[in-house]
């Protein structure tokens, strides 16, 4: 069993996984000002809450899109585990054949998600990760990583709307009552949820047109459960996808 950590712009997702199952998933707020000891305390508390004995962990692995704190969290994990922590980057074996202009530019979180998706689901496929940004990664029938797209996430769009329209107040992301809102709050809820659902539906339609065949669609990320239920296309929600990808990559690099 290992500790897997996914450092995102909004949240740090961490969990313990092995090749059989995921034992837990928790989220911490990403804080660029925290020190190594503070993150170490956070990690230790999460492990204690889930009654995970540090001695049972073989090691840890990190993927990160926040370089300012990547090595702070790495050192924090090593302080708790007393073992070397692997960080996905140049020189790390992933087994992923990346066919984009500059493979080194591909985010390590996207790499981990793609690795897990290929291992578990039939290709061709698309991985839709709904977080601070919404990313779509496309894998062809031969398991090559073709590329994808990135567009503003739900909260980014909603924050832009409310901050630039003085009469609109902040809202939660609860399910809208109906698609046709009868008041400002319901109109905003309907707009943000259904526009993102329609965007995913439309993107999948266009991907299948370009590939010339149907694809498997996997949705992951902290906001997947807010949007996917309102999509017309069939999508598999897999909240454990990135952590499972990290576990696979860890095994490929085990000394």
Protein backbone atom coordinates (compact mmCIF):
# COMPACT_ATOMS: atom_id res chain seq x y z
CA UNK A 1 0.00 0.00 0.00
CA UNK A 2 1.23 3.50 -0.83
CA UNK A 3 0.26 7.09 -0.15
CA UNK A 4 -0.78 8.85 -3.38
CA UNK A 5 -0.97 12.66 -3.51
CA UNK A 6 -2.43 14.80 -6.29
CA UNK A 7 -1.63 18.51 -5.82
CA UNK A 8 -4.13 20.69 -7.67
CA UNK A 9 -4.68 24.43 -7.80
CA UNK A 10 -7.66 24.29 -5.42
CA UNK A 11 -7.30 20.99 -3.54
CA UNK A 12 -4.70 18.44 -2.60
CA UNK A 13 -6.21 14.98 -2.98
CA UNK A 14 -4.59 12.18 -1.06
CA UNK A 15 -5.38 8.56 -0.40
CA UNK A 16 -3.90 5.17 0.31
CA UNK A 17 -4.04 2.65 -2.54
CA UNK A 18 -2.71 -0.71 -3.61
CA UNK A 19 -3.34 -2.84 -6.67
CA UNK A 20 -6.56 -4.15 -5.14
CA UNK A 21 -8.43 -1.08 -3.91
CA UNK A 22 -8.41 2.52 -2.71
CA UNK A 23 -8.65 2.67 1.09
CA UNK A 24 -9.67 6.32 1.38
CA UNK A 25 -9.73 9.64 -0.48
CA UNK A 26 -9.50 12.99 1.29
CA UNK A 27 -9.09 16.59 0.16
CA UNK A 28 -7.06 19.38 1.72
CA UNK A 29 -7.11 23.02 0.61
CA UNK A 30 -4.07 23.94 -1.47
CA UNK A 31 -2.15 26.56 0.47
CA UNK A 32 1.02 27.97 -1.07
CA UNK A 33 2.14 29.57 2.20
CA UNK A 34 2.15 26.44 4.35
CA UNK A 35 5.46 25.10 5.57
CA UNK A 36 6.74 21.54 5.37
CA UNK A 37 5.85 20.81 9.01
CA UNK A 38 2.29 22.06 8.55
CA UNK A 39 1.71 19.75 5.60
CA UNK A 40 3.35 16.91 7.53
CA UNK A 41 0.86 17.43 10.36
CA UNK A 42 -2.01 17.43 7.83
CA UNK A 43 -0.85 14.16 6.27
CA UNK A 44 -0.32 12.50 9.66
CA UNK A 45 -3.78 13.56 10.86
CA UNK A 46 -5.46 12.14 7.75
CA UNK A 47 -3.62 8.84 8.14
CA UNK A 48 -4.56 8.69 11.82
CA UNK A 49 -8.23 9.41 11.09
CA UNK A 50 -8.33 6.47 8.71
CA UNK A 51 -6.30 4.29 11.11
CA UNK A 52 -3.46 3.78 8.64
CA UNK A 53 -0.21 2.69 10.30
CA UNK A 54 2.70 4.49 8.64
CA UNK A 55 4.74 1.29 8.92
CA UNK A 56 2.36 -0.46 6.50
CA UNK A 57 3.08 2.05 3.71
CA UNK A 58 5.72 1.10 1.16
CA UNK A 59 6.20 4.67 -0.03
CA UNK A 60 4.50 7.66 -1.62
CA UNK A 61 4.06 9.30 -5.01
CA UNK A 62 3.07 12.83 -6.00
CA UNK A 63 1.70 14.47 -9.13
CA UNK A 64 1.43 18.23 -9.03
CA UNK A 65 0.37 21.24 -11.10
CA UNK A 66 1.54 23.66 -8.37
CA UNK A 67 5.35 23.68 -8.58
CA UNK A 68 5.67 26.20 -5.72
CA UNK A 69 4.67 23.57 -3.16
CA UNK A 70 5.55 20.28 -4.87
CA UNK A 71 8.75 19.74 -2.94
CA UNK A 72 7.33 21.17 0.28
CA UNK A 73 4.70 18.42 0.21
CA UNK A 74 7.33 15.86 -0.88
CA UNK A 75 9.49 16.65 2.13
CA UNK A 76 6.41 16.61 4.38
CA UNK A 77 5.48 13.12 3.16
CA UNK A 78 9.05 11.91 3.66
CA UNK A 79 9.07 13.34 7.18
CA UNK A 80 6.06 11.17 8.06
CA UNK A 81 6.82 8.01 6.06
CA UNK A 82 10.62 8.02 6.52
CA UNK A 83 10.80 6.81 2.90
CA UNK A 84 11.63 8.44 -0.42
CA UNK A 85 8.63 9.98 -2.21
CA UNK A 86 8.46 9.76 -6.00
CA UNK A 87 7.43 12.89 -7.92
CA UNK A 88 6.12 12.42 -11.46
CA UNK A 89 8.34 14.31 -13.88
CA UNK A 90 11.14 13.81 -16.41
CA UNK A 91 12.77 10.41 -16.08
CA UNK A 92 9.80 8.73 -14.42
CA UNK A 93 8.44 5.70 -16.29
CA UNK A 94 4.74 5.97 -17.10
CA UNK A 95 4.27 3.60 -20.05
CA UNK A 96 2.20 6.29 -21.78
CA UNK A 97 2.90 6.98 -25.47
CA UNK A 98 2.33 10.74 -25.74
CA UNK A 99 1.72 12.10 -29.25
CA UNK A 100 1.55 15.85 -28.58
CA UNK A 101 3.89 18.58 -29.82
CA UNK A 102 5.89 18.75 -26.60
CA UNK A 103 5.28 15.72 -24.33
CA UNK A 104 7.12 17.39 -21.45
CA UNK A 105 4.35 20.00 -21.26
CA UNK A 106 1.71 17.43 -20.38
CA UNK A 107 0.59 17.87 -16.77
CA UNK A 108 1.49 15.01 -14.44
CA UNK A 109 -2.13 14.83 -13.27
CA UNK A 110 -3.27 14.23 -16.84
CA UNK A 111 -0.61 11.57 -17.24
CA UNK A 112 -1.81 9.75 -14.11
CA UNK A 113 -5.45 9.89 -15.18
CA UNK A 114 -4.64 8.60 -18.66
CA UNK A 115 -2.51 5.73 -17.33
CA UNK A 116 -5.31 4.56 -15.03
CA UNK A 117 -7.97 4.92 -17.73
CA UNK A 118 -6.00 2.84 -20.24
CA UNK A 119 -5.48 0.13 -17.63
CA UNK A 120 -9.16 -0.12 -16.72
CA UNK A 121 -11.38 0.91 -19.61
CA UNK A 122 -11.76 0.05 -23.32
CA UNK A 123 -10.14 2.39 -25.82
CA UNK A 124 -10.58 4.76 -27.56
CA UNK A 125 -11.54 6.89 -24.60
CA UNK A 126 -11.72 10.38 -23.17
CA UNK A 127 -10.93 11.38 -19.60
CA UNK A 128 -12.84 14.47 -18.42
CA UNK A 129 -11.38 15.95 -15.24
CA UNK A 130 -13.64 18.59 -13.67
CA UNK A 131 -11.65 20.71 -11.27
CA UNK A 132 -10.33 24.28 -11.26
CA UNK A 133 -10.08 23.81 -15.01
CA UNK A 134 -11.99 21.21 -17.00
CA UNK A 135 -9.61 19.07 -19.01
CA UNK A 136 -10.42 16.48 -21.65
CA UNK A 137 -7.73 13.92 -22.58
CA UNK A 138 -8.14 11.73 -25.65
CA UNK A 139 -6.67 8.23 -26.03
CA UNK A 140 -6.96 6.42 -29.38
CA UNK A 141 -7.74 2.75 -30.00
CA UNK A 142 -3.98 1.91 -29.91
CA UNK A 143 -3.67 3.51 -26.45
CA UNK A 144 -1.77 6.55 -27.71
CA UNK A 145 -2.31 9.88 -25.94
CA UNK A 146 -3.46 12.16 -28.77
CA UNK A 147 -4.06 15.43 -26.91
CA UNK A 148 -7.18 17.14 -25.65
CA UNK A 149 -8.56 20.44 -24.48
CA UNK A 150 -8.69 22.73 -21.46
CA UNK A 151 -11.41 25.22 -20.60
CA UNK A 152 -12.44 27.17 -17.46
CA UNK A 153 -13.88 25.06 -14.66
CA UNK A 154 -17.29 25.57 -13.13
CA UNK A 155 -16.15 27.65 -10.17
CA UNK A 156 -13.83 29.76 -12.33
CA UNK A 157 -16.72 30.62 -14.65
CA UNK A 158 -19.09 31.25 -11.75
CA UNK A 159 -16.62 33.47 -9.91
CA UNK A 160 -16.01 35.49 -13.07
CA UNK A 161 -19.76 35.94 -13.53
CA UNK A 162 -20.46 37.09 -9.99
CA UNK A 163 -17.39 39.31 -9.69
CA UNK A 164 -18.20 41.19 -12.90
CA UNK A 165 -21.95 41.57 -12.36
CA UNK A 166 -22.63 43.59 -9.23
CA UNK A 167 -26.28 42.54 -8.94
CA UNK A 168 -25.45 38.82 -8.94
CA UNK A 169 -24.58 37.22 -5.64
CA UNK A 170 -22.57 34.08 -5.00
CA UNK A 171 -24.40 30.75 -5.18
CA UNK A 172 -23.82 27.14 -4.27
CA UNK A 173 -23.67 24.38 -6.83
CA UNK A 174 -26.76 22.47 -5.70
CA UNK A 175 -28.82 20.84 -8.41
CA UNK A 176 -31.15 23.33 -10.15
CA UNK A 177 -34.87 22.74 -9.69
CA UNK A 178 -35.62 23.16 -13.41
CA UNK A 179 -33.66 24.15 -16.49
CA UNK A 180 -35.85 27.27 -16.84
CA UNK A 181 -35.10 29.34 -13.76
CA UNK A 182 -37.79 31.53 -12.22
CA UNK A 183 -35.48 33.72 -10.15
CA UNK A 184 -31.90 34.97 -10.36
CA UNK A 185 -30.41 32.26 -8.15
CA UNK A 186 -32.13 29.41 -10.00
CA UNK A 187 -31.22 30.97 -13.35
CA UNK A 188 -27.56 31.03 -12.33
CA UNK A 189 -27.63 27.47 -11.00
CA UNK A 190 -29.32 26.23 -14.16
CA UNK A 191 -26.95 28.20 -16.37
CA UNK A 192 -23.73 27.02 -14.79
CA UNK A 193 -24.73 23.36 -14.41
CA UNK A 194 -26.47 22.82 -17.74
CA UNK A 195 -23.98 24.85 -19.77
CA UNK A 196 -21.14 22.67 -18.48
CA UNK A 197 -23.17 19.50 -19.04
CA UNK A 198 -23.98 20.60 -22.59
CA UNK A 199 -20.32 21.48 -23.19
CA UNK A 200 -19.23 17.95 -22.23
CA UNK A 201 -21.96 16.39 -24.39
CA UNK A 202 -20.96 18.55 -27.36
CA UNK A 203 -17.25 17.89 -26.92
CA UNK A 204 -17.79 14.12 -26.87
CA UNK A 205 -19.95 14.32 -30.02
CA UNK A 206 -17.21 16.22 -31.84
CA UNK A 207 -14.46 13.91 -30.62
CA UNK A 208 -16.32 10.91 -32.00
CA UNK A 209 -16.80 12.73 -35.31
CA UNK A 210 -13.06 13.42 -35.53
CA UNK A 211 -12.03 9.89 -34.48
CA UNK A 212 -14.70 8.25 -36.60
CA UNK A 213 -15.79 5.88 -33.83
CA UNK A 214 -17.55 5.83 -30.48
CA UNK A 215 -15.48 6.34 -27.33
CA UNK A 216 -15.59 5.44 -23.65
CA UNK A 217 -15.96 8.55 -21.46
CA UNK A 218 -14.62 8.66 -17.90
CA UNK A 219 -15.32 11.65 -15.66
CA UNK A 220 -13.28 12.44 -12.58
CA UNK A 221 -12.36 15.42 -10.41
CA UNK A 222 -14.02 17.17 -7.50
CA UNK A 223 -16.91 18.59 -9.54
CA UNK A 224 -17.77 15.56 -11.68
CA UNK A 225 -20.74 14.62 -9.50
CA UNK A 226 -22.17 18.13 -9.90
CA UNK A 227 -22.30 18.02 -13.70
CA UNK A 228 -22.28 14.48 -15.07
CA UNK A 229 -25.80 13.58 -13.82
CA UNK A 230 -27.13 16.29 -16.18
CA UNK A 231 -25.21 15.11 -19.25
CA UNK A 232 -27.07 13.26 -22.00
CA UNK A 233 -24.04 11.21 -22.99
CA UNK A 234 -23.15 8.12 -20.96
CA UNK A 235 -20.16 8.83 -18.72
CA UNK A 236 -18.47 6.73 -16.07
CA UNK A 237 -17.69 8.64 -12.87
CA UNK A 238 -14.43 7.40 -11.35
CA UNK A 239 -13.35 9.53 -8.39
CA UNK A 240 -10.37 7.26 -7.72
CA UNK A 241 -8.91 7.49 -11.22
CA UNK A 242 -5.88 9.70 -10.54
CA UNK A 243 -4.89 7.88 -7.38
CA UNK A 244 -5.10 4.54 -9.20
CA UNK A 245 -2.93 5.99 -11.97
CA UNK A 246 -0.37 7.10 -9.40
CA UNK A 247 -0.31 3.59 -7.94
CA UNK A 248 0.35 2.09 -11.39
CA UNK A 249 3.17 4.56 -12.08
CA UNK A 250 4.67 3.89 -8.65
CA UNK A 251 4.80 0.18 -9.42
CA UNK A 252 6.49 0.85 -12.77
CA UNK A 253 9.24 2.76 -10.96
CA UNK A 254 9.63 0.55 -7.91
CA UNK A 255 13.33 -0.14 -7.30
